[in-house]
mmCIF file of all heavy atoms, coordinates in Angstrom:
data_MODEL
# 
_entry.id   MODEL 
# 
loop_
_atom_site.group_PDB 
_atom_site.id 
_atom_site.type_symbol 
_atom_site.label_atom_id 
_atom_site.label_alt_id 
_atom_site.label_comp_id 
_atom_site.label_asym_id 
_atom_site.label_entity_id 
_atom_site.label_seq_id 
_atom_site.pdbx_PDB_ins_code 
_atom_site.Cartn_x 
_atom_site.Cartn_y 
_atom_site.Cartn_z 
_atom_site.occupancy 
_atom_site.B_iso_or_equiv 
_atom_site.pdbx_formal_charge 
_atom_site.auth_seq_id 
_atom_site.auth_comp_id 
_atom_site.auth_asym_id 
_atom_site.auth_atom_id 
_atom_site.pdbx_PDB_model_num 
ATOM 1   N N   . PHE A 1 1  ? -12.149 -4.622 -10.354 1.00 0.00 ? 1  PHE A N   1 
ATOM 2   C CA  . PHE A 1 1  ? -10.794 -4.763 -9.812  1.00 0.00 ? 1  PHE A CA  1 
ATOM 3   C C   . PHE A 1 1  ? -10.340 -3.488 -9.116  1.00 0.00 ? 1  PHE A C   1 
ATOM 4   O O   . PHE A 1 1  ? -9.867  -3.538 -7.984  1.00 0.00 ? 1  PHE A O   1 
ATOM 5   C CB  . PHE A 1 1  ? -9.834  -5.144 -10.912 1.00 0.00 ? 1  PHE A CB  1 
ATOM 6   C CG  . PHE A 1 1  ? -8.390  -5.100 -10.463 1.00 0.00 ? 1  PHE A CG  1 
ATOM 7   C CD1 . PHE A 1 1  ? -7.874  -6.088 -9.659  1.00 0.00 ? 1  PHE A CD1 1 
ATOM 8   C CD2 . PHE A 1 1  ? -7.567  -4.027 -10.808 1.00 0.00 ? 1  PHE A CD2 1 
ATOM 9   C CE1 . PHE A 1 1  ? -6.577  -6.050 -9.213  1.00 0.00 ? 1  PHE A CE1 1 
ATOM 10  C CE2 . PHE A 1 1  ? -6.261  -3.985 -10.378 1.00 0.00 ? 1  PHE A CE2 1 
ATOM 11  C CZ  . PHE A 1 1  ? -5.770  -4.992 -9.583  1.00 0.00 ? 1  PHE A CZ  1 
ATOM 12  N N   . PHE A 1 2  ? -10.510 -2.358 -9.771  1.00 0.00 ? 2  PHE A N   1 
ATOM 13  C CA  . PHE A 1 2  ? -10.020 -1.119 -9.192  1.00 0.00 ? 2  PHE A CA  1 
ATOM 14  C C   . PHE A 1 2  ? -10.854 -0.715 -7.973  1.00 0.00 ? 2  PHE A C   1 
ATOM 15  O O   . PHE A 1 2  ? -10.314 -0.149 -7.031  1.00 0.00 ? 2  PHE A O   1 
ATOM 16  C CB  . PHE A 1 2  ? -9.984  0.003  -10.229 1.00 0.00 ? 2  PHE A CB  1 
ATOM 17  C CG  . PHE A 1 2  ? -8.878  -0.195 -11.227 1.00 0.00 ? 2  PHE A CG  1 
ATOM 18  C CD1 . PHE A 1 2  ? -9.131  -0.349 -12.569 1.00 0.00 ? 2  PHE A CD1 1 
ATOM 19  C CD2 . PHE A 1 2  ? -7.551  -0.239 -10.805 1.00 0.00 ? 2  PHE A CD2 1 
ATOM 20  C CE1 . PHE A 1 2  ? -8.127  -0.530 -13.470 1.00 0.00 ? 2  PHE A CE1 1 
ATOM 21  C CE2 . PHE A 1 2  ? -6.521  -0.419 -11.691 1.00 0.00 ? 2  PHE A CE2 1 
ATOM 22  C CZ  . PHE A 1 2  ? -6.806  -0.562 -13.036 1.00 0.00 ? 2  PHE A CZ  1 
ATOM 23  N N   . GLN A 1 3  ? -12.156 -0.983 -7.966  1.00 0.00 ? 3  GLN A N   1 
ATOM 24  C CA  . GLN A 1 3  ? -12.945 -0.664 -6.789  1.00 0.00 ? 3  GLN A CA  1 
ATOM 25  C C   . GLN A 1 3  ? -12.531 -1.528 -5.619  1.00 0.00 ? 3  GLN A C   1 
ATOM 26  O O   . GLN A 1 3  ? -12.405 -1.047 -4.491  1.00 0.00 ? 3  GLN A O   1 
ATOM 27  C CB  . GLN A 1 3  ? -14.421 -0.873 -7.106  1.00 0.00 ? 3  GLN A CB  1 
ATOM 28  C CG  . GLN A 1 3  ? -15.013 0.260  -7.926  1.00 0.00 ? 3  GLN A CG  1 
ATOM 29  C CD  . GLN A 1 3  ? -16.474 0.003  -8.242  1.00 0.00 ? 3  GLN A CD  1 
ATOM 30  O OE1 . GLN A 1 3  ? -17.023 -1.054 -7.962  1.00 0.00 ? 3  GLN A OE1 1 
ATOM 31  N NE2 . GLN A 1 3  ? -17.116 0.991  -8.844  1.00 0.00 ? 3  GLN A NE2 1 
ATOM 32  N N   . SER A 1 4  ? -12.251 -2.813 -5.856  1.00 0.00 ? 4  SER A N   1 
ATOM 33  C CA  . SER A 1 4  ? -11.835 -3.671 -4.738  1.00 0.00 ? 4  SER A CA  1 
ATOM 34  C C   . SER A 1 4  ? -10.429 -3.284 -4.283  1.00 0.00 ? 4  SER A C   1 
ATOM 35  O O   . SER A 1 4  ? -10.136 -3.357 -3.100  1.00 0.00 ? 4  SER A O   1 
ATOM 36  C CB  . SER A 1 4  ? -11.877 -5.131 -5.141  1.00 0.00 ? 4  SER A CB  1 
ATOM 37  O OG  . SER A 1 4  ? -10.917 -5.389 -6.151  1.00 0.00 ? 4  SER A OG  1 
ATOM 38  N N   . ALA A 1 5  ? -9.564  -2.868 -5.171  1.00 0.00 ? 5  ALA A N   1 
ATOM 39  C CA  . ALA A 1 5  ? -8.223  -2.458 -4.793  1.00 0.00 ? 5  ALA A CA  1 
ATOM 40  C C   . ALA A 1 5  ? -8.264  -1.179 -3.974  1.00 0.00 ? 5  ALA A C   1 
ATOM 41  O O   . ALA A 1 5  ? -7.476  -0.979 -3.050  1.00 0.00 ? 5  ALA A O   1 
ATOM 42  C CB  . ALA A 1 5  ? -7.342  -2.273 -6.009  1.00 0.00 ? 5  ALA A CB  1 
ATOM 43  N N   . MET A 1 6  ? -9.182  -0.296 -4.295  1.00 0.00 ? 6  MET A N   1 
ATOM 44  C CA  . MET A 1 6  ? -9.292  0.961  -3.545  1.00 0.00 ? 6  MET A CA  1 
ATOM 45  C C   . MET A 1 6  ? -9.891  0.731  -2.173  1.00 0.00 ? 6  MET A C   1 
ATOM 46  O O   . MET A 1 6  ? -9.530  1.393  -1.205  1.00 0.00 ? 6  MET A O   1 
ATOM 47  C CB  . MET A 1 6  ? -10.129 1.966  -4.341  1.00 0.00 ? 6  MET A CB  1 
ATOM 48  C CG  . MET A 1 6  ? -9.388  2.493  -5.544  1.00 0.00 ? 6  MET A CG  1 
ATOM 49  S SD  . MET A 1 6  ? -10.346 3.512  -6.673  1.00 0.00 ? 6  MET A SD  1 
ATOM 50  C CE  . MET A 1 6  ? -11.297 4.524  -5.638  1.00 0.00 ? 6  MET A CE  1 
ATOM 51  N N   . LYS A 1 7  ? -10.779 -0.239 -2.035  1.00 0.00 ? 7  LYS A N   1 
ATOM 52  C CA  . LYS A 1 7  ? -11.380 -0.527 -0.743  1.00 0.00 ? 7  LYS A CA  1 
ATOM 53  C C   . LYS A 1 7  ? -10.429 -1.258 0.189   1.00 0.00 ? 7  LYS A C   1 
ATOM 54  O O   . LYS A 1 7  ? -10.418 -1.042 1.380   1.00 0.00 ? 7  LYS A O   1 
ATOM 55  C CB  . LYS A 1 7  ? -12.641 -1.369 -0.930  1.00 0.00 ? 7  LYS A CB  1 
ATOM 56  C CG  . LYS A 1 7  ? -13.792 -0.608 -1.521  1.00 0.00 ? 7  LYS A CG  1 
ATOM 57  C CD  . LYS A 1 7  ? -14.974 -1.519 -1.704  1.00 0.00 ? 7  LYS A CD  1 
ATOM 58  C CE  . LYS A 1 7  ? -16.083 -0.797 -2.432  1.00 0.00 ? 7  LYS A CE  1 
ATOM 59  N NZ  . LYS A 1 7  ? -17.179 -1.691 -2.783  1.00 0.00 ? 7  LYS A NZ  1 
ATOM 60  N N   . GLU A 1 8  ? -9.599  -2.148 -0.384  1.00 0.00 ? 8  GLU A N   1 
ATOM 61  C CA  . GLU A 1 8  ? -8.694  -2.966 0.425   1.00 0.00 ? 8  GLU A CA  1 
ATOM 62  C C   . GLU A 1 8  ? -7.259  -2.743 0.012   1.00 0.00 ? 8  GLU A C   1 
ATOM 63  O O   . GLU A 1 8  ? -6.718  -3.486 -0.820  1.00 0.00 ? 8  GLU A O   1 
ATOM 64  C CB  . GLU A 1 8  ? -9.031  -4.446 0.234   1.00 0.00 ? 8  GLU A CB  1 
ATOM 65  C CG  . GLU A 1 8  ? -10.446 -4.790 0.607   1.00 0.00 ? 8  GLU A CG  1 
ATOM 66  C CD  . GLU A 1 8  ? -10.805 -6.193 0.154   1.00 0.00 ? 8  GLU A CD  1 
ATOM 67  O OE1 . GLU A 1 8  ? -9.890  -6.931 -0.267  1.00 0.00 ? 8  GLU A OE1 1 
ATOM 68  O OE2 . GLU A 1 8  ? -11.974 -6.526 0.189   1.00 0.00 ? 8  GLU A OE2 1 
ATOM 69  N N   . PRO A 1 9  ? -6.590  -1.687 0.530   1.00 0.00 ? 9  PRO A N   1 
ATOM 70  C CA  . PRO A 1 9  ? -5.185  -1.488 0.153   1.00 0.00 ? 9  PRO A CA  1 
ATOM 71  C C   . PRO A 1 9  ? -4.325  -2.615 0.731   1.00 0.00 ? 9  PRO A C   1 
ATOM 72  O O   . PRO A 1 9  ? -4.667  -3.220 1.742   1.00 0.00 ? 9  PRO A O   1 
ATOM 73  C CB  . PRO A 1 9  ? -4.827  -0.155 0.781   1.00 0.00 ? 9  PRO A CB  1 
ATOM 74  C CG  . PRO A 1 9  ? -5.792  0.025  1.890   1.00 0.00 ? 9  PRO A CG  1 
ATOM 75  C CD  . PRO A 1 9  ? -7.048  -0.678 1.477   1.00 0.00 ? 9  PRO A CD  1 
ATOM 76  N N   . SER A 1 10 ? -3.238  -2.903 0.048   1.00 0.00 ? 10 SER A N   1 
ATOM 77  C CA  . SER A 1 10 ? -2.376  -3.982 0.528   1.00 0.00 ? 10 SER A CA  1 
ATOM 78  C C   . SER A 1 10 ? -1.719  -3.602 1.848   1.00 0.00 ? 10 SER A C   1 
ATOM 79  O O   . SER A 1 10 ? -1.508  -2.451 2.150   1.00 0.00 ? 10 SER A O   1 
ATOM 80  C CB  . SER A 1 10 ? -1.307  -4.275 -0.518  1.00 0.00 ? 10 SER A CB  1 
ATOM 81  O OG  . SER A 1 10 ? -0.557  -3.115 -0.753  1.00 0.00 ? 10 SER A OG  1 
ATOM 82  N N   . LYS A 1 11 ? -1.433  -4.603 2.650   1.00 0.00 ? 11 LYS A N   1 
ATOM 83  C CA  . LYS A 1 11 ? -0.924  -4.359 4.001   1.00 0.00 ? 11 LYS A CA  1 
ATOM 84  C C   . LYS A 1 11 ? 0.528   -3.956 3.974   1.00 0.00 ? 11 LYS A C   1 
ATOM 85  O O   . LYS A 1 11 ? 1.308   -4.435 3.170   1.00 0.00 ? 11 LYS A O   1 
ATOM 86  C CB  . LYS A 1 11 ? -1.106  -5.641 4.823   1.00 0.00 ? 11 LYS A CB  1 
ATOM 87  C CG  . LYS A 1 11 ? -2.554  -6.020 4.994   1.00 0.00 ? 11 LYS A CG  1 
ATOM 88  C CD  . LYS A 1 11 ? -2.694  -7.301 5.751   1.00 0.00 ? 11 LYS A CD  1 
ATOM 89  C CE  . LYS A 1 11 ? -4.158  -7.687 5.862   1.00 0.00 ? 11 LYS A CE  1 
ATOM 90  N NZ  . LYS A 1 11 ? -4.323  -8.959 6.532   1.00 0.00 ? 11 LYS A NZ  1 
ATOM 91  N N   . GLY A 1 12 ? 0.910   -3.067 4.877   1.00 0.00 ? 12 GLY A N   1 
ATOM 92  C CA  . GLY A 1 12 ? 2.302   -2.683 5.038   1.00 0.00 ? 12 GLY A CA  1 
ATOM 93  C C   . GLY A 1 12 ? 2.744   -1.533 4.150   1.00 0.00 ? 12 GLY A C   1 
ATOM 94  O O   . GLY A 1 12 ? 3.805   -0.989 4.348   1.00 0.00 ? 12 GLY A O   1 
ATOM 95  N N   . ILE A 1 13 ? 1.959   -1.156 3.174   1.00 0.00 ? 13 ILE A N   1 
ATOM 96  C CA  . ILE A 1 13 ? 2.380   -0.091 2.273   1.00 0.00 ? 13 ILE A CA  1 
ATOM 97  C C   . ILE A 1 13 ? 1.869   1.258  2.765   1.00 0.00 ? 13 ILE A C   1 
ATOM 98  O O   . ILE A 1 13 ? 2.552   2.264  2.611   1.00 0.00 ? 13 ILE A O   1 
ATOM 99  C CB  . ILE A 1 13 ? 1.895   -0.377 0.845   1.00 0.00 ? 13 ILE A CB  1 
ATOM 100 C CG1 . ILE A 1 13 ? 2.645   -1.590 0.320   1.00 0.00 ? 13 ILE A CG1 1 
ATOM 101 C CG2 . ILE A 1 13 ? 2.163   0.798  -0.061  1.00 0.00 ? 13 ILE A CG2 1 
ATOM 102 C CD1 . ILE A 1 13 ? 2.300   -1.975 -1.074  1.00 0.00 ? 13 ILE A CD1 1 
ATOM 103 N N   . GLY A 1 14 ? 0.754   1.351  3.380   1.00 0.00 ? 14 GLY A N   1 
ATOM 104 C CA  . GLY A 1 14 ? 0.258   2.638  3.862   1.00 0.00 ? 14 GLY A CA  1 
ATOM 105 C C   . GLY A 1 14 ? -0.663  3.273  2.853   1.00 0.00 ? 14 GLY A C   1 
ATOM 106 O O   . GLY A 1 14 ? -1.652  2.700  2.460   1.00 0.00 ? 14 GLY A O   1 
ATOM 107 N N   . LYS A 1 15 ? -0.278  4.480  2.403   1.00 0.00 ? 15 LYS A N   1 
ATOM 108 C CA  . LYS A 1 15 ? -1.141  5.234  1.502   1.00 0.00 ? 15 LYS A CA  1 
ATOM 109 C C   . LYS A 1 15 ? -1.062  4.753  0.057   1.00 0.00 ? 15 LYS A C   1 
ATOM 110 O O   . LYS A 1 15 ? -1.815  5.193  -0.778  1.00 0.00 ? 15 LYS A O   1 
ATOM 111 C CB  . LYS A 1 15 ? -0.727  6.714  1.549   1.00 0.00 ? 15 LYS A CB  1 
ATOM 112 C CG  . LYS A 1 15 ? -0.957  7.356  2.881   1.00 0.00 ? 15 LYS A CG  1 
ATOM 113 C CD  . LYS A 1 15 ? -0.501  8.778  2.846   1.00 0.00 ? 15 LYS A CD  1 
ATOM 114 C CE  . LYS A 1 15 ? -0.647  9.425  4.196   1.00 0.00 ? 15 LYS A CE  1 
ATOM 115 N NZ  . LYS A 1 15 ? -0.132  10.777 4.202   1.00 0.00 ? 15 LYS A NZ  1 
ATOM 116 N N   . GLY A 1 16 ? -0.153  3.909  -0.251  1.00 0.00 ? 16 GLY A N   1 
ATOM 117 C CA  . GLY A 1 16 ? 0.025   3.447  -1.604  1.00 0.00 ? 16 GLY A CA  1 
ATOM 118 C C   . GLY A 1 16 ? 1.394   3.838  -2.097  1.00 0.00 ? 16 GLY A C   1 
ATOM 119 O O   . GLY A 1 16 ? 2.137   4.557  -1.445  1.00 0.00 ? 16 GLY A O   1 
ATOM 120 N N   . GLY A 1 17 ? 1.766   3.358  -3.239  1.00 0.00 ? 17 GLY A N   1 
ATOM 121 C CA  . GLY A 1 17 ? 3.070   3.645  -3.761  1.00 0.00 ? 17 GLY A CA  1 
ATOM 122 C C   . GLY A 1 17 ? 4.118   2.696  -3.228  1.00 0.00 ? 17 GLY A C   1 
ATOM 123 O O   . GLY A 1 17 ? 3.853   1.536  -2.964  1.00 0.00 ? 17 GLY A O   1 
ATOM 124 N N   . ARG A 1 18 ? 5.318   3.194  -3.067  1.00 0.00 ? 18 ARG A N   1 
ATOM 125 C CA  . ARG A 1 18 ? 6.419   2.362  -2.605  1.00 0.00 ? 18 ARG A CA  1 
ATOM 126 C C   . ARG A 1 18 ? 6.266   2.039  -1.128  1.00 0.00 ? 18 ARG A C   1 
ATOM 127 O O   . ARG A 1 18 ? 5.707   2.808  -0.373  1.00 0.00 ? 18 ARG A O   1 
ATOM 128 C CB  . ARG A 1 18 ? 7.743   3.093  -2.790  1.00 0.00 ? 18 ARG A CB  1 
ATOM 129 C CG  . ARG A 1 18 ? 8.121   3.306  -4.204  1.00 0.00 ? 18 ARG A CG  1 
ATOM 130 C CD  . ARG A 1 18 ? 9.471   3.961  -4.251  1.00 0.00 ? 18 ARG A CD  1 
ATOM 131 N NE  . ARG A 1 18 ? 9.879   4.190  -5.614  1.00 0.00 ? 18 ARG A NE  1 
ATOM 132 C CZ  . ARG A 1 18 ? 11.001  4.742  -5.958  1.00 0.00 ? 18 ARG A CZ  1 
ATOM 133 N NH1 . ARG A 1 18 ? 11.830  5.159  -5.031  1.00 0.00 ? 18 ARG A NH1 1 
ATOM 134 N NH2 . ARG A 1 18 ? 11.308  4.917  -7.212  1.00 0.00 ? 18 ARG A NH2 1 
ATOM 135 N N   . PRO A 1 19 ? 6.869   0.913  -0.704  1.00 0.00 ? 19 PRO A N   1 
ATOM 136 C CA  . PRO A 1 19 ? 6.869   0.641  0.741   1.00 0.00 ? 19 PRO A CA  1 
ATOM 137 C C   . PRO A 1 19 ? 7.795   1.639  1.445   1.00 0.00 ? 19 PRO A C   1 
ATOM 138 O O   . PRO A 1 19 ? 8.719   2.178  0.841   1.00 0.00 ? 19 PRO A O   1 
ATOM 139 C CB  . PRO A 1 19 ? 7.423   -0.764 0.843   1.00 0.00 ? 19 PRO A CB  1 
ATOM 140 C CG  . PRO A 1 19 ? 8.039   -1.062 -0.461  1.00 0.00 ? 19 PRO A CG  1 
ATOM 141 C CD  . PRO A 1 19 ? 7.427   -0.161 -1.478  1.00 0.00 ? 19 PRO A CD  1 
ATOM 142 N N   . PRO A 1 20 ? 7.557   1.901  2.726   1.00 0.00 ? 20 PRO A N   1 
ATOM 143 C CA  . PRO A 1 20 ? 8.386   2.898  3.432   1.00 0.00 ? 20 PRO A CA  1 
ATOM 144 C C   . PRO A 1 20 ? 9.851   2.419  3.526   1.00 0.00 ? 20 PRO A C   1 
ATOM 145 O O   . PRO A 1 20 ? 10.112  1.229  3.637   1.00 0.00 ? 20 PRO A O   1 
ATOM 146 C CB  . PRO A 1 20 ? 7.756   3.001  4.808   1.00 0.00 ? 20 PRO A CB  1 
ATOM 147 C CG  . PRO A 1 20 ? 6.945   1.767  4.956   1.00 0.00 ? 20 PRO A CG  1 
ATOM 148 C CD  . PRO A 1 20 ? 6.540   1.340  3.590   1.00 0.00 ? 20 PRO A CD  1 
ATOM 149 N N   . HIS A 1 21 ? 10.758  3.382  3.470   1.00 0.00 ? 21 HIS A N   1 
ATOM 150 C CA  . HIS A 1 21 ? 12.173  3.068  3.569   1.00 0.00 ? 21 HIS A CA  1 
ATOM 151 C C   . HIS A 1 21 ? 12.574  2.888  5.025   1.00 0.00 ? 21 HIS A C   1 
ATOM 152 O O   . HIS A 1 21 ? 12.248  3.712  5.880   1.00 0.00 ? 21 HIS A O   1 
ATOM 153 C CB  . HIS A 1 21 ? 13.019  4.185  2.932   1.00 0.00 ? 21 HIS A CB  1 
ATOM 154 C CG  . HIS A 1 21 ? 14.486  3.949  3.038   1.00 0.00 ? 21 HIS A CG  1 
ATOM 155 N ND1 . HIS A 1 21 ? 15.125  2.986  2.305   1.00 0.00 ? 21 HIS A ND1 1 
ATOM 156 C CD2 . HIS A 1 21 ? 15.432  4.550  3.792   1.00 0.00 ? 21 HIS A CD2 1 
ATOM 157 C CE1 . HIS A 1 21 ? 16.404  2.998  2.610   1.00 0.00 ? 21 HIS A CE1 1 
ATOM 158 N NE2 . HIS A 1 21 ? 16.622  3.933  3.499   1.00 0.00 ? 21 HIS A NE2 1 
ATOM 159 N N   . ARG A 1 22 ? 13.271  1.810  5.308   1.00 0.00 ? 22 ARG A N   1 
ATOM 160 C CA  . ARG A 1 22 ? 13.736  1.541  6.667   1.00 0.00 ? 22 ARG A CA  1 
ATOM 161 C C   . ARG A 1 22 ? 15.270  1.441  6.630   1.00 0.00 ? 22 ARG A C   1 
ATOM 162 O O   . ARG A 1 22 ? 15.820  0.463  6.168   1.00 0.00 ? 22 ARG A O   1 
ATOM 163 C CB  . ARG A 1 22 ? 13.169  0.233  7.183   1.00 0.00 ? 22 ARG A CB  1 
ATOM 164 C CG  . ARG A 1 22 ? 11.648  0.235  7.179   1.00 0.00 ? 22 ARG A CG  1 
ATOM 165 C CD  . ARG A 1 22 ? 11.093  -0.612 8.264   1.00 0.00 ? 22 ARG A CD  1 
ATOM 166 N NE  . ARG A 1 22 ? 9.674   -0.908 8.122   1.00 0.00 ? 22 ARG A NE  1 
ATOM 167 C CZ  . ARG A 1 22 ? 8.711   -0.014 8.271   1.00 0.00 ? 22 ARG A CZ  1 
ATOM 168 N NH1 . ARG A 1 22 ? 8.999   1.213  8.496   1.00 0.00 ? 22 ARG A NH1 1 
ATOM 169 N NH2 . ARG A 1 22 ? 7.436   -0.364 8.130   1.00 0.00 ? 22 ARG A NH2 1 
ATOM 170 N N   . PRO A 1 23 ? 15.953  2.507  7.129   1.00 0.00 ? 23 PRO A N   1 
ATOM 171 C CA  . PRO A 1 23 ? 17.415  2.508  7.061   1.00 0.00 ? 23 PRO A CA  1 
ATOM 172 C C   . PRO A 1 23 ? 18.031  1.466  7.984   1.00 0.00 ? 23 PRO A C   1 
ATOM 173 O O   . PRO A 1 23 ? 17.587  1.272  9.105   1.00 0.00 ? 23 PRO A O   1 
ATOM 174 C CB  . PRO A 1 23 ? 17.816  3.905  7.536   1.00 0.00 ? 23 PRO A CB  1 
ATOM 175 C CG  . PRO A 1 23 ? 16.575  4.662  7.802   1.00 0.00 ? 23 PRO A CG  1 
ATOM 176 C CD  . PRO A 1 23 ? 15.412  3.729  7.678   1.00 0.00 ? 23 PRO A CD  1 
ATOM 177 N N   . SER A 1 24 ? 19.060  0.798  7.509   1.00 0.00 ? 24 SER A N   1 
ATOM 178 C CA  . SER A 1 24 ? 19.777  -0.170 8.331   1.00 0.00 ? 24 SER A CA  1 
ATOM 179 C C   . SER A 1 24 ? 21.074  0.493  8.822   1.00 0.00 ? 24 SER A C   1 
ATOM 180 O O   . SER A 1 24 ? 21.452  1.565  8.368   1.00 0.00 ? 24 SER A O   1 
ATOM 181 C CB  . SER A 1 24 ? 20.113  -1.413 7.505   1.00 0.00 ? 24 SER A CB  1 
ATOM 182 O OG  . SER A 1 24 ? 21.060  -1.107 6.508   1.00 0.00 ? 24 SER A OG  1 
# 
């Protein structure tokens, strides 16, 4: 699981962690 998660990061998040903040 961790090897596959490291190879394929989720889309839109970037480097990992929280999604980027977009001010309105």
